[in-house]
Amino acid sequence: MGVRQVIYALGVLLALFLSSPVMGQEIGAFKARMAVPSEEKGAAVKVHEYGSAAQAVTLYDRLAKPAEIPGYRIRIFFDNGQHARSEALATQERFRNEFPGISTFLVYENPSYIVTVGNCVTIDEALMLWNSVRRSFSTAFLWRGNIPVADLLQEGPAVPATEEKVEENASETRVLPN
């Protein structure tokens, strides 16, 4: 992993950390905890809150948090033929067997079935994955788009689960790993 990748990954993690609400840090709960004297020194904090500060915190909590970031995946299958769905599922299963631990995504965008793999934040990472994948999937190519932050947070070294979740929208059906 290059220095640029490490810096970029740390930047993404910092942005995610700063943009996500911390559990139990609601202003009311925080003030209540601070008002209780500590066991060690018996000190308590009394919070005097200015109206504009409370409004700023409330406004920040209401703002939309980033749900996606720009990134890359490798597209290994794209077809709209009569047997496209079964071929897409077979391609996805073949990839999972050959490359365990790398996320796979089956998407139906009318009228085509598409299988993409990986969650790459940088082009370098995507090219390394593509170089490995293209030996087994000769038609594989880079796909640039937005990657859900939730996918990045859930991805890890574990082998993807065998059960699949199906999320249906009006325009597409996604089959995502657990």
N, C-alpha and C. Protein backbone atom coordinates (compact mmCIF):
# COMPACT_ATOMS: atom_id res chain seq x y z
N MET A 1 0.85 -1.18 0.00
CA MET A 1 0.00 0.00 0.00
C MET A 1 0.89 1.23 0.00
N GLY A 2 0.68 2.13 -0.96
CA GLY A 2 1.50 3.33 -1.08
C GLY A 2 1.16 4.38 -0.05
N VAL A 3 2.04 5.35 0.06
CA VAL A 3 1.85 6.44 1.02
C VAL A 3 0.59 7.23 0.70
N ARG A 4 0.35 7.46 -0.60
CA ARG A 4 -0.86 8.20 -0.98
C ARG A 4 -2.12 7.46 -0.58
N GLN A 5 -2.09 6.12 -0.74
CA GLN A 5 -3.25 5.32 -0.36
C GLN A 5 -3.49 5.39 1.14
N VAL A 6 -2.43 5.31 1.92
CA VAL A 6 -2.57 5.36 3.38
C VAL A 6 -3.12 6.71 3.80
N ILE A 7 -2.58 7.79 3.22
CA ILE A 7 -3.06 9.13 3.57
C ILE A 7 -4.52 9.29 3.17
N TYR A 8 -4.87 8.82 1.97
CA TYR A 8 -6.26 8.92 1.50
C TYR A 8 -7.19 8.10 2.41
N ALA A 9 -6.77 6.88 2.77
CA ALA A 9 -7.59 6.02 3.63
C ALA A 9 -7.78 6.67 5.00
N LEU A 10 -6.71 7.26 5.54
CA LEU A 10 -6.84 7.94 6.83
C LEU A 10 -7.77 9.14 6.72
N GLY A 11 -7.68 9.85 5.59
CA GLY A 11 -8.58 10.99 5.37
C GLY A 11 -10.03 10.55 5.31
N VAL A 12 -10.29 9.43 4.62
CA VAL A 12 -11.66 8.90 4.53
C VAL A 12 -12.16 8.50 5.92
N LEU A 13 -11.31 7.81 6.68
CA LEU A 13 -11.72 7.39 8.01
C LEU A 13 -11.97 8.59 8.92
N LEU A 14 -11.11 9.63 8.81
CA LEU A 14 -11.32 10.82 9.62
C LEU A 14 -12.62 11.50 9.23
N ALA A 15 -12.90 11.60 7.93
CA ALA A 15 -14.16 12.20 7.48
C ALA A 15 -15.36 11.41 7.98
N LEU A 16 -15.26 10.08 7.94
CA LEU A 16 -16.36 9.25 8.44
C LEU A 16 -16.55 9.46 9.94
N PHE A 17 -15.43 9.53 10.65
CA PHE A 17 -15.51 9.72 12.10
C PHE A 17 -16.14 11.06 12.45
N LEU A 18 -15.72 12.11 11.74
CA LEU A 18 -16.24 13.43 12.04
C LEU A 18 -17.67 13.63 11.56
N SER A 19 -18.08 12.86 10.56
CA SER A 19 -19.42 13.05 10.02
C SER A 19 -20.47 12.16 10.66
N SER A 20 -20.06 11.20 11.45
CA SER A 20 -21.05 10.30 12.06
C SER A 20 -21.27 10.68 13.51
N PRO A 21 -22.51 10.65 13.96
CA PRO A 21 -22.78 10.98 15.35
C PRO A 21 -22.21 9.92 16.28
N VAL A 22 -21.64 10.35 17.37
CA VAL A 22 -21.07 9.43 18.35
C VAL A 22 -22.19 8.93 19.24
N MET A 23 -22.24 7.61 19.44
CA MET A 23 -23.29 7.03 20.25
C MET A 23 -23.27 7.63 21.65
N GLY A 24 -24.41 8.01 22.15
CA GLY A 24 -24.52 8.51 23.51
C GLY A 24 -24.02 9.93 23.68
N GLN A 25 -23.75 10.66 22.61
CA GLN A 25 -23.22 11.99 22.73
C GLN A 25 -24.29 13.05 22.45
N GLU A 26 -25.53 12.72 22.62
CA GLU A 26 -26.56 13.74 22.49
C GLU A 26 -26.31 14.79 23.56
N ILE A 27 -26.61 16.02 23.25
CA ILE A 27 -26.26 17.12 24.15
C ILE A 27 -26.88 16.97 25.54
N GLY A 28 -28.12 16.50 25.60
CA GLY A 28 -28.77 16.33 26.90
C GLY A 28 -28.08 15.25 27.74
N ALA A 29 -27.77 14.12 27.12
CA ALA A 29 -27.10 13.03 27.84
C ALA A 29 -25.70 13.46 28.26
N PHE A 30 -25.02 14.21 27.41
CA PHE A 30 -23.68 14.68 27.72
C PHE A 30 -23.71 15.63 28.93
N LYS A 31 -24.65 16.56 28.93
CA LYS A 31 -24.75 17.51 30.05
C LYS A 31 -25.09 16.77 31.34
N ALA A 32 -25.97 15.78 31.26
CA ALA A 32 -26.35 15.02 32.47
C ALA A 32 -25.15 14.25 33.02
N ARG A 33 -24.35 13.65 32.16
CA ARG A 33 -23.17 12.92 32.62
C ARG A 33 -22.14 13.84 33.25
N MET A 34 -21.99 15.01 32.66
CA MET A 34 -20.99 15.95 33.18
C MET A 34 -21.42 16.54 34.52
N ALA A 35 -22.71 16.61 34.79
CA ALA A 35 -23.20 17.19 36.04
C ALA A 35 -23.02 16.26 37.22
N VAL A 36 -22.79 14.98 36.98
CA VAL A 36 -22.60 14.00 38.06
C VAL A 36 -21.15 14.11 38.55
N PRO A 37 -20.93 14.30 39.86
CA PRO A 37 -19.56 14.41 40.38
C PRO A 37 -18.78 13.12 40.11
N SER A 38 -17.48 13.28 39.76
CA SER A 38 -16.64 12.12 39.50
C SER A 38 -16.33 11.40 40.80
N GLU A 39 -16.13 10.10 40.72
CA GLU A 39 -15.85 9.30 41.90
C GLU A 39 -14.47 9.59 42.46
N GLU A 40 -13.51 9.91 41.59
CA GLU A 40 -12.14 10.10 42.03
C GLU A 40 -11.94 11.42 42.77
N LYS A 41 -12.42 12.52 42.20
CA LYS A 41 -12.14 13.84 42.76
C LYS A 41 -13.38 14.59 43.21
N GLY A 42 -14.54 14.05 42.91
CA GLY A 42 -15.77 14.69 43.32
C GLY A 42 -16.12 15.93 42.52
N ALA A 43 -15.42 16.17 41.44
CA ALA A 43 -15.66 17.36 40.64
C ALA A 43 -16.82 17.14 39.68
N ALA A 44 -17.58 18.18 39.45
CA ALA A 44 -18.68 18.14 38.50
C ALA A 44 -18.56 19.33 37.56
N VAL A 45 -19.12 19.21 36.39
CA VAL A 45 -19.08 20.28 35.41
C VAL A 45 -20.48 20.84 35.26
N LYS A 46 -20.57 22.17 35.33
CA LYS A 46 -21.84 22.82 35.10
C LYS A 46 -21.78 23.46 33.72
N VAL A 47 -22.70 23.08 32.85
CA VAL A 47 -22.68 23.55 31.47
C VAL A 47 -23.61 24.74 31.33
N HIS A 48 -23.04 25.85 30.84
CA HIS A 48 -23.83 27.03 30.49
C HIS A 48 -23.81 27.13 28.98
N GLU A 49 -24.95 26.96 28.41
CA GLU A 49 -25.06 26.84 26.96
C GLU A 49 -25.65 28.11 26.38
N TYR A 50 -24.94 28.70 25.44
CA TYR A 50 -25.46 29.86 24.73
C TYR A 50 -26.45 29.38 23.68
N GLY A 51 -27.46 30.18 23.42
CA GLY A 51 -28.49 29.80 22.46
C GLY A 51 -27.95 29.48 21.09
N SER A 52 -26.99 30.25 20.61
CA SER A 52 -26.45 30.02 19.26
C SER A 52 -25.68 28.71 19.20
N ALA A 53 -25.02 28.31 20.29
CA ALA A 53 -24.29 27.04 20.30
C ALA A 53 -25.27 25.87 20.21
N ALA A 54 -26.35 25.95 20.97
CA ALA A 54 -27.34 24.88 20.93
C ALA A 54 -27.95 24.77 19.54
N GLN A 55 -28.21 25.92 18.91
CA GLN A 55 -28.76 25.90 17.55
C GLN A 55 -27.77 25.30 16.57
N ALA A 56 -26.48 25.60 16.73
CA ALA A 56 -25.46 25.06 15.83
C ALA A 56 -25.37 23.54 15.96
N VAL A 57 -25.42 23.03 17.19
CA VAL A 57 -25.37 21.58 17.40
C VAL A 57 -26.60 20.92 16.80
N THR A 58 -27.76 21.50 17.02
CA THR A 58 -29.00 20.95 16.47
C THR A 58 -28.96 20.97 14.94
N LEU A 59 -28.47 22.04 14.35
CA LEU A 59 -28.38 22.14 12.89
C LEU A 59 -27.43 21.08 12.35
N TYR A 60 -26.29 20.89 13.00
CA TYR A 60 -25.32 19.89 12.54
C TYR A 60 -25.93 18.49 12.57
N ASP A 61 -26.68 18.18 13.64
CA ASP A 61 -27.29 16.86 13.75
C ASP A 61 -28.32 16.62 12.65
N ARG A 62 -28.93 17.66 12.14
CA ARG A 62 -29.95 17.52 11.10
C ARG A 62 -29.36 17.43 9.69
N LEU A 63 -28.11 17.85 9.53
CA LEU A 63 -27.49 17.82 8.20
C LEU A 63 -27.31 16.40 7.72
N ALA A 64 -27.41 16.22 6.43
CA ALA A 64 -27.23 14.89 5.84
C ALA A 64 -25.75 14.50 5.91
N LYS A 65 -25.50 13.31 6.33
CA LYS A 65 -24.15 12.78 6.42
C LYS A 65 -23.80 12.14 5.07
N PRO A 66 -22.52 12.13 4.70
CA PRO A 66 -22.17 11.53 3.40
C PRO A 66 -22.52 10.04 3.38
N ALA A 67 -23.24 9.64 2.37
CA ALA A 67 -23.65 8.24 2.26
C ALA A 67 -22.77 7.49 1.27
N GLU A 68 -22.12 8.23 0.36
CA GLU A 68 -21.29 7.60 -0.66
C GLU A 68 -20.04 8.44 -0.89
N ILE A 69 -18.99 7.76 -1.34
CA ILE A 69 -17.77 8.46 -1.73
C ILE A 69 -17.36 7.96 -3.11
N PRO A 70 -16.63 8.76 -3.87
CA PRO A 70 -16.20 8.30 -5.18
C PRO A 70 -15.19 7.16 -5.05
N GLY A 71 -15.29 6.19 -5.93
CA GLY A 71 -14.38 5.06 -5.87
C GLY A 71 -14.48 4.22 -7.13
N TYR A 72 -13.95 3.00 -7.05
CA TYR A 72 -13.86 2.12 -8.20
C TYR A 72 -14.28 0.71 -7.82
N ARG A 73 -14.83 0.03 -8.79
CA ARG A 73 -15.09 -1.41 -8.70
C ARG A 73 -14.66 -2.02 -10.03
N ILE A 74 -14.56 -3.33 -10.06
CA ILE A 74 -14.23 -4.03 -11.28
C ILE A 74 -15.50 -4.71 -11.78
N ARG A 75 -15.90 -4.40 -13.00
CA ARG A 75 -17.09 -5.00 -13.59
C ARG A 75 -16.66 -6.28 -14.30
N ILE A 76 -17.20 -7.41 -13.83
CA ILE A 76 -16.80 -8.69 -14.42
C ILE A 76 -17.89 -9.33 -15.27
N PHE A 77 -19.10 -8.78 -15.22
CA PHE A 77 -20.20 -9.35 -16.01
C PHE A 77 -21.20 -8.26 -16.33
N PHE A 78 -21.70 -8.30 -17.58
CA PHE A 78 -22.72 -7.36 -18.03
C PHE A 78 -23.46 -8.03 -19.18
N ASP A 79 -24.75 -8.28 -18.99
CA ASP A 79 -25.50 -8.96 -20.05
C ASP A 79 -26.99 -8.69 -19.88
N ASN A 80 -27.71 -8.72 -20.99
CA ASN A 80 -29.17 -8.56 -20.94
C ASN A 80 -29.88 -9.67 -21.71
N GLY A 81 -29.18 -10.78 -21.93
CA GLY A 81 -29.76 -11.89 -22.67
C GLY A 81 -30.80 -12.67 -21.88
N GLN A 82 -31.34 -13.68 -22.51
CA GLN A 82 -32.40 -14.49 -21.92
C GLN A 82 -31.94 -15.18 -20.63
N HIS A 83 -30.70 -15.60 -20.56
CA HIS A 83 -30.19 -16.31 -19.38
C HIS A 83 -29.23 -15.44 -18.57
N ALA A 84 -29.37 -14.14 -18.69
CA ALA A 84 -28.43 -13.21 -18.05
C ALA A 84 -28.42 -13.36 -16.53
N ARG A 85 -29.58 -13.53 -15.91
CA ARG A 85 -29.64 -13.63 -14.45
C ARG A 85 -28.88 -14.85 -13.96
N SER A 86 -29.14 -16.01 -14.54
CA SER A 86 -28.46 -17.22 -14.08
C SER A 86 -26.96 -17.15 -14.37
N GLU A 87 -26.58 -16.55 -15.50
CA GLU A 87 -25.16 -16.39 -15.80
C GLU A 87 -24.49 -15.41 -14.83
N ALA A 88 -25.21 -14.35 -14.47
CA ALA A 88 -24.66 -13.39 -13.51
C ALA A 88 -24.45 -14.04 -12.14
N LEU A 89 -25.43 -14.82 -11.70
CA LEU A 89 -25.28 -15.52 -10.41
C LEU A 89 -24.14 -16.53 -10.45
N ALA A 90 -23.98 -17.23 -11.59
CA ALA A 90 -22.88 -18.19 -11.73
C ALA A 90 -21.53 -17.47 -11.74
N THR A 91 -21.46 -16.32 -12.40
CA THR A 91 -20.23 -15.53 -12.43
C THR A 91 -19.89 -15.03 -11.03
N GLN A 92 -20.90 -14.56 -10.31
CA GLN A 92 -20.68 -14.08 -8.95
C GLN A 92 -20.17 -15.21 -8.05
N GLU A 93 -20.76 -16.38 -8.16
CA GLU A 93 -20.34 -17.53 -7.36
C GLU A 93 -18.93 -17.97 -7.72
N ARG A 94 -18.62 -17.98 -9.01
CA ARG A 94 -17.27 -18.35 -9.45
C ARG A 94 -16.23 -17.37 -8.88
N PHE A 95 -16.57 -16.08 -8.90
CA PHE A 95 -15.64 -15.09 -8.35
C PHE A 95 -15.44 -15.30 -6.85
N ARG A 96 -16.53 -15.52 -6.14
CA ARG A 96 -16.43 -15.75 -4.69
C ARG A 96 -15.55 -16.95 -4.37
N ASN A 97 -15.62 -17.99 -5.19
CA ASN A 97 -14.78 -19.17 -4.98
C ASN A 97 -13.30 -18.88 -5.26
N GLU A 98 -13.04 -18.09 -6.30
CA GLU A 98 -11.67 -17.80 -6.68
C GLU A 98 -11.03 -16.69 -5.85
N PHE A 99 -11.84 -15.74 -5.38
CA PHE A 99 -11.34 -14.58 -4.64
C PHE A 99 -12.15 -14.39 -3.34
N PRO A 100 -12.03 -15.31 -2.40
CA PRO A 100 -12.80 -15.16 -1.16
C PRO A 100 -12.36 -13.91 -0.40
N GLY A 101 -13.33 -13.25 0.22
CA GLY A 101 -13.03 -12.07 1.02
C GLY A 101 -13.20 -10.76 0.27
N ILE A 102 -13.40 -10.81 -1.04
CA ILE A 102 -13.61 -9.59 -1.82
C ILE A 102 -15.10 -9.48 -2.10
N SER A 103 -15.67 -8.34 -1.80
CA SER A 103 -17.11 -8.13 -1.96
C SER A 103 -17.53 -8.23 -3.41
N THR A 104 -18.70 -8.83 -3.62
CA THR A 104 -19.29 -8.92 -4.96
C THR A 104 -20.68 -8.29 -4.92
N PHE A 105 -21.08 -7.70 -6.04
CA PHE A 105 -22.36 -7.02 -6.11
C PHE A 105 -23.06 -7.39 -7.41
N LEU A 106 -24.27 -7.87 -7.29
CA LEU A 106 -25.09 -8.18 -8.47
C LEU A 106 -26.19 -7.13 -8.50
N VAL A 107 -26.26 -6.40 -9.61
CA VAL A 107 -27.25 -5.32 -9.75
C VAL A 107 -28.04 -5.55 -11.02
N TYR A 108 -29.33 -5.35 -10.92
CA TYR A 108 -30.18 -5.39 -12.11
C TYR A 108 -30.57 -3.96 -12.45
N GLU A 109 -30.08 -3.48 -13.58
CA GLU A 109 -30.48 -2.18 -14.12
C GLU A 109 -31.17 -2.48 -15.43
N ASN A 110 -32.46 -2.30 -15.46
CA ASN A 110 -33.29 -2.70 -16.58
C ASN A 110 -32.66 -2.28 -17.89
N PRO A 111 -32.36 -3.16 -18.79
CA PRO A 111 -32.68 -4.57 -18.87
C PRO A 111 -31.48 -5.49 -18.58
N SER A 112 -30.45 -5.00 -17.94
CA SER A 112 -29.19 -5.75 -17.83
C SER A 112 -28.87 -6.18 -16.40
N TYR A 113 -28.18 -7.32 -16.29
CA TYR A 113 -27.62 -7.78 -15.04
C TYR A 113 -26.13 -7.45 -15.05
N ILE A 114 -25.64 -6.91 -13.93
CA ILE A 114 -24.27 -6.45 -13.84
C ILE A 114 -23.66 -7.03 -12.57
N VAL A 115 -22.45 -7.57 -12.67
CA VAL A 115 -21.72 -8.05 -11.50
C VAL A 115 -20.45 -7.22 -11.40
N THR A 116 -20.29 -6.54 -10.26
CA THR A 116 -19.08 -5.79 -9.97
C THR A 116 -18.46 -6.35 -8.71
N VAL A 117 -17.16 -6.12 -8.56
CA VAL A 117 -16.44 -6.66 -7.40
C VAL A 117 -15.52 -5.60 -6.82
N GLY A 118 -15.28 -5.73 -5.51
CA GLY A 118 -14.33 -4.86 -4.82
C GLY A 118 -14.92 -3.52 -4.45
N ASN A 119 -14.27 -2.89 -3.50
CA ASN A 119 -14.57 -1.52 -3.08
C ASN A 119 -13.24 -0.80 -3.02
N CYS A 120 -12.83 -0.20 -4.11
CA CYS A 120 -11.52 0.44 -4.20
C CYS A 120 -11.67 1.95 -4.07
N VAL A 121 -10.91 2.53 -3.18
CA VAL A 121 -10.97 3.96 -2.95
C VAL A 121 -10.05 4.70 -3.92
N THR A 122 -8.93 4.09 -4.30
CA THR A 122 -7.99 4.75 -5.21
C THR A 122 -7.88 3.97 -6.52
N ILE A 123 -7.41 4.66 -7.54
CA ILE A 123 -7.22 4.01 -8.85
C ILE A 123 -6.12 2.96 -8.76
N ASP A 124 -5.10 3.20 -7.94
CA ASP A 124 -4.02 2.23 -7.79
C ASP A 124 -4.54 0.91 -7.23
N GLU A 125 -5.36 1.01 -6.22
CA GLU A 125 -5.96 -0.19 -5.61
C GLU A 125 -6.83 -0.92 -6.64
N ALA A 126 -7.60 -0.16 -7.42
CA ALA A 126 -8.47 -0.76 -8.43
C ALA A 126 -7.65 -1.45 -9.52
N LEU A 127 -6.57 -0.84 -9.93
CA LEU A 127 -5.74 -1.45 -10.97
C LEU A 127 -5.08 -2.73 -10.49
N MET A 128 -4.66 -2.77 -9.22
CA MET A 128 -4.07 -4.00 -8.68
C MET A 128 -5.11 -5.11 -8.65
N LEU A 129 -6.35 -4.78 -8.23
CA LEU A 129 -7.41 -5.78 -8.21
C LEU A 129 -7.75 -6.23 -9.63
N TRP A 130 -7.85 -5.28 -10.56
CA TRP A 130 -8.16 -5.61 -11.95
C TRP A 130 -7.12 -6.53 -12.55
N ASN A 131 -5.84 -6.26 -12.23
CA ASN A 131 -4.77 -7.10 -12.75
C ASN A 131 -4.90 -8.54 -12.26
N SER A 132 -5.34 -8.73 -11.04
CA SER A 132 -5.55 -10.08 -10.50
C SER A 132 -6.78 -10.74 -11.11
N VAL A 133 -7.84 -9.97 -11.26
CA VAL A 133 -9.13 -10.50 -11.70
C VAL A 133 -9.14 -10.83 -13.19
N ARG A 134 -8.47 -10.04 -14.00
CA ARG A 134 -8.58 -10.20 -15.46
C ARG A 134 -8.00 -11.51 -15.96
N ARG A 135 -7.19 -12.18 -15.16
CA ARG A 135 -6.66 -13.49 -15.56
C ARG A 135 -7.78 -14.52 -15.63
N SER A 136 -8.74 -14.40 -14.71
CA SER A 136 -9.86 -15.35 -14.68
C SER A 136 -11.09 -14.82 -15.40
N PHE A 137 -11.21 -13.49 -15.48
CA PHE A 137 -12.37 -12.86 -16.10
C PHE A 137 -11.84 -11.89 -17.16
N SER A 138 -11.67 -12.40 -18.37
CA SER A 138 -10.98 -11.65 -19.43
C SER A 138 -11.70 -10.38 -19.85
N THR A 139 -13.01 -10.29 -19.63
CA THR A 139 -13.75 -9.09 -20.04
C THR A 139 -13.86 -8.06 -18.92
N ALA A 140 -13.17 -8.28 -17.82
CA ALA A 140 -13.25 -7.37 -16.68
C ALA A 140 -12.70 -5.99 -17.05
N PHE A 141 -13.34 -4.94 -16.50
CA PHE A 141 -12.85 -3.59 -16.70
C PHE A 141 -13.19 -2.73 -15.49
N LEU A 142 -12.48 -1.60 -15.37
CA LEU A 142 -12.70 -0.68 -14.24
C LEU A 142 -14.02 0.04 -14.41
N TRP A 143 -14.69 0.23 -13.30
CA TRP A 143 -15.94 0.99 -13.27
C TRP A 143 -15.77 2.06 -12.20
N ARG A 144 -15.95 3.29 -12.58
CA ARG A 144 -15.84 4.40 -11.63
C ARG A 144 -17.23 4.86 -11.25
N GLY A 145 -17.46 4.99 -9.94
CA GLY A 145 -18.77 5.43 -9.47
C GLY A 145 -18.71 5.74 -7.99
N ASN A 146 -19.85 5.83 -7.39
CA ASN A 146 -19.93 6.11 -5.96
C ASN A 146 -20.10 4.81 -5.19
N ILE A 147 -19.33 4.70 -4.11
CA ILE A 147 -19.38 3.51 -3.27
C ILE A 147 -20.01 3.89 -1.94
N PRO A 148 -21.05 3.19 -1.52
CA PRO A 148 -21.67 3.48 -0.23
C PRO A 148 -20.65 3.33 0.91
N VAL A 149 -20.65 4.29 1.81
CA VAL A 149 -19.74 4.26 2.95
C VAL A 149 -19.98 3.00 3.78
N ALA A 150 -21.23 2.58 3.88
CA ALA A 150 -21.54 1.37 4.65
C ALA A 150 -20.82 0.15 4.09
N ASP A 151 -20.68 0.07 2.75
CA ASP A 151 -19.94 -1.05 2.15
C ASP A 151 -18.48 -1.03 2.56
N LEU A 152 -17.89 0.15 2.63
CA LEU A 152 -16.49 0.26 3.03
C LEU A 152 -16.28 -0.12 4.48
N LEU A 153 -17.24 0.26 5.33
CA LEU A 153 -17.11 -0.03 6.75
C LEU A 153 -17.32 -1.51 7.05
N GLN A 154 -18.14 -2.18 6.26
CA GLN A 154 -18.43 -3.59 6.50
C GLN A 154 -17.40 -4.52 5.90
N GLU A 155 -16.68 -4.03 4.88
CA GLU A 155 -15.73 -4.91 4.20
C GLU A 155 -14.54 -5.19 5.11
N GLY A 156 -14.14 -6.44 5.13
CA GLY A 156 -13.00 -6.83 5.93
C GLY A 156 -12.38 -8.09 5.38
N PRO A 157 -11.48 -8.69 6.12
CA PRO A 157 -10.81 -9.88 5.63
C PRO A 157 -11.68 -11.13 5.66
N ALA A 158 -12.83 -11.07 6.27
CA ALA A 158 -13.70 -12.25 6.39
C ALA A 158 -14.25 -12.65 5.03
N VAL A 159 -14.47 -13.94 4.85
CA VAL A 159 -15.07 -14.46 3.63
C VAL A 159 -16.54 -14.07 3.63
N PRO A 160 -17.07 -13.58 2.49
CA PRO A 160 -18.47 -13.19 2.44
C PRO A 160 -19.40 -14.33 2.84
N ALA A 161 -20.47 -13.98 3.50
CA ALA A 161 -21.46 -14.97 3.93
C ALA A 161 -22.13 -15.60 2.72
N THR A 162 -22.68 -16.79 2.91
CA THR A 162 -23.33 -17.48 1.80
C THR A 162 -24.74 -16.98 1.56
N GLU A 163 -25.41 -16.51 2.61
CA GLU A 163 -26.76 -15.99 2.43
C GLU A 163 -26.67 -14.62 1.77
N GLU A 164 -27.68 -14.27 1.02
CA GLU A 164 -27.70 -12.99 0.32
C GLU A 164 -28.92 -12.20 0.75
N LYS A 165 -28.72 -10.86 0.80
CA LYS A 165 -29.84 -9.97 1.05
C LYS A 165 -30.28 -9.41 -0.29
N VAL A 166 -31.56 -9.27 -0.48
CA VAL A 166 -32.06 -8.69 -1.71
C VAL A 166 -32.79 -7.41 -1.34
N GLU A 167 -32.34 -6.32 -1.94
CA GLU A 167 -32.96 -5.02 -1.71
C GLU A 167 -33.59 -4.60 -3.03
N GLU A 168 -34.88 -4.34 -3.02
CA GLU A 168 -35.55 -4.01 -4.27
C GLU A 168 -35.94 -2.55 -4.29
N ASN A 169 -35.62 -1.89 -5.38
CA ASN A 169 -36.03 -0.52 -5.64
C ASN A 169 -36.84 -0.52 -6.92
N ALA A 170 -37.43 0.61 -7.24
CA ALA A 170 -38.26 0.69 -8.43
C ALA A 170 -37.42 0.45 -9.69
N SER A 171 -36.19 0.92 -9.72
CA SER A 171 -35.41 0.82 -10.95
C SER A 171 -34.36 -0.28 -10.94
N GLU A 172 -34.06 -0.84 -9.79
CA GLU A 172 -33.01 -1.84 -9.75
C GLU A 172 -33.21 -2.82 -8.60
N THR A 173 -32.61 -3.98 -8.72
CA THR A 173 -32.60 -4.95 -7.65
C THR A 173 -31.16 -5.25 -7.35
N ARG A 174 -30.76 -5.15 -6.09
CA ARG A 174 -29.38 -5.41 -5.70
C ARG A 174 -29.33 -6.68 -4.86
N VAL A 175 -28.40 -7.51 -5.14
CA VAL A 175 -28.13 -8.68 -4.32
C VAL A 175 -26.80 -8.41 -3.65
N LEU A 176 -26.83 -8.18 -2.36
CA LEU A 176 -25.64 -7.79 -1.63
C LEU A 176 -25.23 -8.87 -0.65
N PRO A 177 -23.92 -8.99 -0.38
CA PRO A 177 -23.48 -9.97 0.63
C PRO A 177 -23.85 -9.49 2.01
N ASN A 178 -24.00 -10.41 2.95
CA ASN A 178 -24.28 -10.03 4.35
C ASN A 178 -23.08 -9.40 4.97
